[in-house]
């Protein structure tokens, strides 16, 4: 074998080993990234649940206030009718 062939075999072997190591590291990085994205997704779902419950609470408060306004209008109309009759 020539020295160039030996040099090419060594360089190809080293580059293959380095690429395999890089591939394995990339698999580990992608696996960790998947775990992180799952945790972020759980956090986002928690915030979504909190937001929906807060929205539901606001809807109940607004419903109570509008019902209270209707009752006040009823009393206002009732007082106006009683005031005119007197």
Protein backbone atom coordinates (compact mmCIF):
# COMPACT_ATOMS: atom_id res chain seq x y z
CA UNK A 1 0.00 0.00 0.00
CA UNK A 2 1.08 3.50 -0.71
CA UNK A 3 1.39 6.10 1.97
CA UNK A 4 -1.45 8.06 0.39
CA UNK A 5 -3.79 5.07 0.69
CA UNK A 6 -2.82 4.55 4.33
CA UNK A 7 -3.32 8.26 5.01
CA UNK A 8 -6.75 8.20 3.31
CA UNK A 9 -7.80 5.14 5.34
CA UNK A 10 -6.73 6.80 8.58
CA UNK A 11 -8.49 10.07 7.71
CA UNK A 12 -11.69 8.30 6.63
CA UNK A 13 -11.66 6.14 9.77
CA UNK A 14 -11.17 9.16 12.03
CA UNK A 15 -13.84 11.19 10.25
CA UNK A 16 -16.25 8.23 10.47
CA UNK A 17 -15.61 7.87 14.20
CA UNK A 18 -16.06 11.61 14.74
CA UNK A 19 -19.31 11.66 12.74
CA UNK A 20 -20.65 8.69 14.72
CA UNK A 21 -19.84 10.46 18.00
CA UNK A 22 -21.51 13.64 16.72
CA UNK A 23 -24.58 11.63 15.70
CA UNK A 24 -24.88 10.01 19.12
CA UNK A 25 -24.52 13.40 20.82
CA UNK A 26 -27.18 14.83 18.49
CA UNK A 27 -29.56 12.02 19.48
CA UNK A 28 -29.00 12.86 23.17
CA UNK A 29 -29.56 16.57 22.53
CA UNK A 30 -32.78 15.92 20.61
CA UNK A 31 -34.01 13.61 23.37
CA UNK A 32 -33.37 16.30 26.01
CA UNK A 33 -35.08 18.87 23.79
CA UNK A 34 -38.13 16.63 23.54
CA UNK A 35 -38.29 16.35 27.35
CA UNK A 36 -37.99 20.13 27.71
CA UNK A 37 -40.74 20.71 25.16
CA UNK A 38 -43.02 18.30 27.02
CA UNK A 39 -42.45 20.21 30.27
CA UNK A 40 -43.11 23.52 28.50
CA UNK A 41 -46.30 22.07 27.06
CA UNK A 42 -47.46 21.05 30.56
CA UNK A 43 -46.73 24.55 31.85
CA UNK A 44 -48.67 26.12 28.97
CA UNK A 45 -51.61 23.80 29.60
CA UNK A 46 -51.56 24.84 33.27
CA UNK A 47 -51.65 28.51 32.31
CA UNK A 48 -54.48 27.77 29.90
CA UNK A 49 -56.50 26.11 32.67
CA UNK A 50 -55.85 29.06 34.97
CA UNK A 51 -56.90 31.48 32.23
CA UNK A 52 -60.10 29.58 31.51
CA UNK A 53 -61.03 29.42 35.19
CA UNK A 54 -60.28 33.15 35.55
CA UNK A 55 -62.42 33.87 32.49
CA UNK A 56 -65.23 31.75 33.93
CA UNK A 57 -65.00 33.66 37.22
CA UNK A 58 -65.16 36.99 35.40
CA UNK A 59 -68.22 35.82 33.48
CA UNK A 60 -69.92 34.95 36.77
CA UNK A 61 -69.06 38.34 38.26
CA UNK A 62 -70.35 40.14 35.15
CA UNK A 63 -73.54 38.04 35.27
CA UNK A 64 -74.04 38.92 38.93
CA UNK A 65 -73.51 42.64 38.26
CA UNK A 66 -75.91 42.64 35.31
CA UNK A 67 -78.51 40.80 37.41
CA UNK A 68 -78.02 43.35 40.19
CA UNK A 69 -78.56 46.16 37.66
CA UNK A 70 -81.82 44.54 36.54
CA UNK A 71 -82.99 44.38 40.16
CA UNK A 72 -82.07 48.06 40.67
CA UNK A 73 -83.96 49.02 37.50
CA UNK A 74 -86.98 47.08 38.75
CA UNK A 75 -86.92 48.93 42.05
CA UNK A 76 -86.42 52.23 40.21
CA UNK A 77 -89.45 51.58 38.00
CA UNK A 78 -91.47 50.44 41.02
CA UNK A 79 -90.54 53.59 42.96
CA UNK A 80 -91.45 55.84 40.01
CA UNK A 81 -94.88 54.20 39.72
CA UNK A 82 -95.49 54.53 43.47
CA UNK A 83 -94.32 58.14 43.45
CA UNK A 84 -96.77 59.10 40.67
CA UNK A 85 -99.74 57.47 42.42
CA UNK A 86 -99.20 59.38 45.68
